[in-house]
Amino acid sequence: MDTSQVIGIPLRWNDVDAYRHVSHMALVAILDDGRGRWLDSVVGSLVPDWGYVVARLELDFRAPASLGERVLCGSFAVEHVGSSSIRLHERLTTNSGTVVVEAVSVIVAWDQDQAVGRPLTGEEKAALTREIAPAHGP
């Protein structure tokens, strides 16, 4: 997975569960924060407040993270650009490179005024297609 643009996402004390690990629900929120920031960097200059909804989210928890990590590193790579949706490969790692969670998400461009999915514009498709990563291993 290309990690040319890594997003650092700070951990908060309330992200930790009774086992002193970052909880699985906090990891979903951390991915969401990183995904939004990454998308802003890719298409935010084309459309301010670029709207999207998550249509699918697959998660594989690989290793625990603790509050002592302070920051998790999020990397996001486009796997496929459709007419209105994008499939992303997402990963959170510790600063030392330990993979905490890997995810695949499908997001749909969203028309906030109409509250419906919308087609991607040609500019959006071009910007997202430039972010397609080479195939990654298992």
C-alpha atoms as a PDB file:
ATOM      1  CA  MET A   1       0.000   0.000   0.000  1.00  0.00           C
ATOM      2  CA  ASP A   2       1.311   3.420  -0.890  1.00  0.00           C
ATOM      3  CA  THR A   3       1.889   5.449   2.244  1.00  0.00           C
ATOM      4  CA  SER A   4       3.122   8.617   0.535  1.00  0.00           C
ATOM      5  CA  GLN A   5       0.518  10.618   2.436  1.00  0.00           C
ATOM      6  CA  VAL A   6       0.183   9.375   5.990  1.00  0.00           C
ATOM      7  CA  ILE A   7      -2.369  11.082   8.213  1.00  0.00           C
ATOM      8  CA  GLY A   8      -1.486  11.212  11.914  1.00  0.00           C
ATOM      9  CA  ILE A   9      -4.577  10.798  14.090  1.00  0.00           C
ATOM     10  CA  PRO A  10      -4.106  11.601  17.790  1.00  0.00           C
ATOM     11  CA  LEU A  11      -5.567   9.216  20.342  1.00  0.00           C
ATOM     12  CA  ARG A  12      -7.746  10.454  23.180  1.00  0.00           C
ATOM     13  CA  TRP A  13      -7.999   8.965  26.648  1.00  0.00           C
ATOM     14  CA  ASN A  14     -11.640   7.963  26.021  1.00  0.00           C
ATOM     15  CA  ASP A  15     -10.528   5.826  23.026  1.00  0.00           C
ATOM     16  CA  VAL A  16      -9.209   3.226  25.489  1.00  0.00           C
ATOM     17  CA  ASP A  17     -11.294   0.309  26.783  1.00  0.00           C
ATOM     18  CA  ALA A  18     -11.127  -1.644  30.056  1.00  0.00           C
ATOM     19  CA  TYR A  19      -8.213  -3.708  28.674  1.00  0.00           C
ATOM     20  CA  ARG A  20      -6.187  -0.499  28.163  1.00  0.00           C
ATOM     21  CA  HIS A  21      -6.341  -0.951  24.396  1.00  0.00           C
ATOM     22  CA  VAL A  22      -7.867   1.392  21.870  1.00  0.00           C
ATOM     23  CA  SER A  23     -11.388   0.004  21.517  1.00  0.00           C
ATOM     24  CA  HIS A  24     -12.719  -1.392  18.269  1.00  0.00           C
ATOM     25  CA  MET A  25     -15.371   1.349  18.098  1.00  0.00           C
ATOM     26  CA  ALA A  26     -12.727   4.039  18.602  1.00  0.00           C
ATOM     27  CA  LEU A  27     -10.734   2.518  15.732  1.00  0.00           C
ATOM     28  CA  VAL A  28     -13.784   2.932  13.462  1.00  0.00           C
ATOM     29  CA  ALA A  29     -14.012   6.616  14.482  1.00  0.00           C
ATOM     30  CA  ILE A  30     -10.264   7.084  14.001  1.00  0.00           C
ATOM     31  CA  LEU A  31     -10.492   5.606  10.492  1.00  0.00           C
ATOM     32  CA  ASP A  32     -13.437   7.905   9.776  1.00  0.00           C
ATOM     33  CA  ASP A  33     -11.458  10.953  10.898  1.00  0.00           C
ATOM     34  CA  GLY A  34      -8.453   9.980   8.788  1.00  0.00           C
ATOM     35  CA  ARG A  35     -10.597   9.122   5.757  1.00  0.00           C
ATOM     36  CA  GLY A  36     -12.312  12.504   5.870  1.00  0.00           C
ATOM     37  CA  ARG A  37      -9.019  14.357   6.159  1.00  0.00           C
ATOM     38  CA  TRP A  38      -7.508  12.289   3.325  1.00  0.00           C
ATOM     39  CA  LEU A  39     -10.519  12.928   1.059  1.00  0.00           C
ATOM     40  CA  ASP A  40     -10.312  16.648   1.807  1.00  0.00           C
ATOM     41  CA  SER A  41      -6.713  16.589   0.576  1.00  0.00           C
ATOM     42  CA  VAL A  42      -7.670  14.768  -2.649  1.00  0.00           C
ATOM     43  CA  VAL A  43     -10.998  16.320  -3.677  1.00  0.00           C
ATOM     44  CA  GLY A  44     -11.502  19.136  -1.173  1.00  0.00           C
ATOM     45  CA  SER A  45      -9.966  21.699  -3.502  1.00  0.00           C
ATOM     46  CA  LEU A  46     -12.547  20.763  -6.158  1.00  0.00           C
ATOM     47  CA  VAL A  47     -15.601  20.786  -3.911  1.00  0.00           C
ATOM     48  CA  PRO A  48     -15.467  22.410  -0.476  1.00  0.00           C
ATOM     49  CA  ASP A  49     -17.136  20.216   2.163  1.00  0.00           C
ATOM     50  CA  TRP A  50     -17.095  17.244  -0.221  1.00  0.00           C
ATOM     51  CA  GLY A  51     -19.949  15.078   0.987  1.00  0.00           C
ATOM     52  CA  TYR A  52     -19.906  11.308   1.127  1.00  0.00           C
ATOM     53  CA  VAL A  53     -21.504   8.429   2.980  1.00  0.00           C
ATOM     54  CA  VAL A  54     -19.967   5.094   3.905  1.00  0.00           C
ATOM     55  CA  ALA A  55     -21.906   2.342   2.125  1.00  0.00           C
ATOM     56  CA  ARG A  56     -19.685  -0.565   3.211  1.00  0.00           C
ATOM     57  CA  LEU A  57     -16.960  -1.090   5.777  1.00  0.00           C
ATOM     58  CA  GLU A  58     -14.917  -4.271   6.270  1.00  0.00           C
ATOM     59  CA  LEU A  59     -12.463  -4.372   9.167  1.00  0.00           C
ATOM     60  CA  ASP A  60      -9.650  -6.731  10.079  1.00  0.00           C
ATOM     61  CA  PHE A  61      -8.172  -6.065  13.494  1.00  0.00           C
ATOM     62  CA  ARG A  62      -4.505  -7.078  13.382  1.00  0.00           C
ATOM     63  CA  ALA A  63      -2.906  -5.926  16.654  1.00  0.00           C
ATOM     64  CA  PRO A  64      -3.874  -3.917  19.707  1.00  0.00           C
ATOM     65  CA  ALA A  65      -2.927  -0.278  20.138  1.00  0.00           C
ATOM     66  CA  SER A  66      -2.678   1.477  23.477  1.00  0.00           C
ATOM     67  CA  LEU A  67      -3.075   5.076  24.559  1.00  0.00           C
ATOM     68  CA  GLY A  68       0.715   5.179  24.928  1.00  0.00           C
ATOM     69  CA  GLU A  69       0.961   5.174  21.129  1.00  0.00           C
ATOM     70  CA  ARG A  70      -0.397   8.755  21.243  1.00  0.00           C
ATOM     71  CA  VAL A  71      -0.935   8.843  17.445  1.00  0.00           C
ATOM     72  CA  LEU A  72      -2.016   6.243  14.906  1.00  0.00           C
ATOM     73  CA  CYS A  73      -0.903   6.626  11.298  1.00  0.00           C
ATOM     74  CA  GLY A  74      -3.655   6.331   8.712  1.00  0.00           C
ATOM     75  CA  SER A  75      -2.991   5.541   5.071  1.00  0.00           C
ATOM     76  CA  PHE A  76      -5.647   5.431   2.384  1.00  0.00           C
ATOM     77  CA  ALA A  77      -5.416   4.114  -1.168  1.00  0.00           C
ATOM     78  CA  VAL A  78      -8.031   4.078  -3.910  1.00  0.00           C
ATOM     79  CA  GLU A  79      -8.699   0.580  -5.250  1.00  0.00           C
ATOM     80  CA  HIS A  80     -11.538   1.439  -7.639  1.00  0.00           C
ATOM     81  CA  VAL A  81     -13.420   4.500  -8.856  1.00  0.00           C
ATOM     82  CA  GLY A  82     -16.977   3.888 -10.034  1.00  0.00           C
ATOM     83  CA  SER A  83     -19.634   6.233 -11.351  1.00  0.00           C
ATOM     84  CA  SER A  84     -20.637   7.457  -7.884  1.00  0.00           C
ATOM     85  CA  SER A  85     -18.576   5.359  -5.491  1.00  0.00           C
ATOM     86  CA  ILE A  86     -14.975   4.768  -4.497  1.00  0.00           C
ATOM     87  CA  ARG A  87     -13.477   1.650  -2.913  1.00  0.00           C
ATOM     88  CA  LEU A  88     -10.620   2.436  -0.532  1.00  0.00           C
ATOM     89  CA  HIS A  89      -8.034   0.274   1.189  1.00  0.00           C
ATOM     90  CA  GLU A  90      -7.385   1.780   4.596  1.00  0.00           C
ATOM     91  CA  ARG A  91      -4.772   0.999   7.234  1.00  0.00           C
ATOM     92  CA  LEU A  92      -3.940   2.222  10.723  1.00  0.00           C
ATOM     93  CA  THR A  93      -0.455   1.574  12.065  1.00  0.00           C
ATOM     94  CA  THR A  94       1.544   2.536  15.112  1.00  0.00           C
ATOM     95  CA  ASN A  95       4.545   4.837  14.716  1.00  0.00           C
ATOM     96  CA  SER A  96       6.735   1.723  14.746  1.00  0.00           C
ATOM     97  CA  GLY A  97       4.827   0.285  11.772  1.00  0.00           C
ATOM     98  CA  THR A  98       2.695  -2.348  13.520  1.00  0.00           C
ATOM     99  CA  VAL A  99      -0.557  -2.760  11.588  1.00  0.00           C
ATOM    100  CA  VAL A 100      -3.446  -2.236  13.991  1.00  0.00           C
ATOM    101  CA  VAL A 101      -6.367  -2.450  11.571  1.00  0.00           C
ATOM    102  CA  GLU A 102      -6.886  -2.886   7.837  1.00  0.00           C
ATOM    103  CA  ALA A 103     -10.140  -1.932   6.220  1.00  0.00           C
ATOM    104  CA  VAL A 104     -11.918  -1.739   2.918  1.00  0.00           C
ATOM    105  CA  SER A 105     -14.560   0.932   2.600  1.00  0.00           C
ATOM    106  CA  VAL A 106     -16.928   1.850  -0.172  1.00  0.00           C
ATOM    107  CA  ILE A 107     -17.986   5.461  -0.067  1.00  0.00           C
ATOM    108  CA  VAL A 108     -20.615   7.168  -2.181  1.00  0.00           C
ATOM    109  CA  ALA A 109     -20.502  10.820  -3.256  1.00  0.00           C
ATOM    110  CA  TRP A 110     -23.374  12.563  -1.527  1.00  0.00           C
ATOM    111  CA  ASP A 111     -25.625  15.435  -2.520  1.00  0.00           C
ATOM    112  CA  GLN A 112     -26.217  17.062   0.850  1.00  0.00           C
ATOM    113  CA  ASP A 113     -29.107  19.240  -0.334  1.00  0.00           C
ATOM    114  CA  GLN A 114     -31.054  16.353  -1.879  1.00  0.00           C
ATOM    115  CA  ALA A 115     -29.871  13.730   0.676  1.00  0.00           C
ATOM    116  CA  VAL A 116     -29.075  11.240  -2.101  1.00  0.00           C
ATOM    117  CA  GLY A 117     -26.034   9.710  -3.752  1.00  0.00           C
ATOM    118  CA  ARG A 118     -24.768  11.553  -6.805  1.00  0.00           C
ATOM    119  CA  PRO A 119     -22.493  10.800  -9.763  1.00  0.00           C
ATOM    120  CA  LEU A 120     -18.845  11.786  -9.475  1.00  0.00           C
ATOM    121  CA  THR A 121     -17.854  14.674 -11.719  1.00  0.00           C
ATOM    122  CA  GLY A 122     -15.122  14.208 -14.311  1.00  0.00           C
ATOM    123  CA  GLU A 123     -12.734  16.285 -12.176  1.00  0.00           C
ATOM    124  CA  GLU A 124     -13.480  14.204  -9.082  1.00  0.00           C
ATOM    125  CA  LYS A 125     -12.960  10.952 -10.999  1.00  0.00           C
ATOM    126  CA  ALA A 126      -9.657  12.232 -12.384  1.00  0.00           C
ATOM    127  CA  ALA A 127      -8.382  13.317  -8.943  1.00  0.00           C
ATOM    128  CA  LEU A 128      -9.400  10.010  -7.363  1.00  0.00           C
ATOM    129  CA  THR A 129      -8.052   7.909 -10.239  1.00  0.00           C
ATOM    130  CA  ARG A 130      -4.631   9.529  -9.730  1.00  0.00           C
ATOM    131  CA  GLU A 131      -4.712   8.026  -6.231  1.00  0.00           C
ATOM    132  CA  ILE A 132      -5.211   4.423  -7.366  1.00  0.00           C
ATOM    133  CA  ALA A 133      -2.567   2.335  -5.632  1.00  0.00           C
ATOM    134  CA  PRO A 134      -0.733  -0.610  -7.126  1.00  0.00           C
ATOM    135  CA  ALA A 135      -2.226  -3.941  -6.104  1.00  0.00           C
ATOM    136  CA  HIS A 136      -1.386  -4.828  -2.541  1.00  0.00           C
ATOM    137  CA  GLY A 137      -0.632  -8.237  -1.129  1.00  0.00           C
ATOM    138  CA  PRO A 138      -2.880 -10.399   1.036  1.00  0.00           C
END
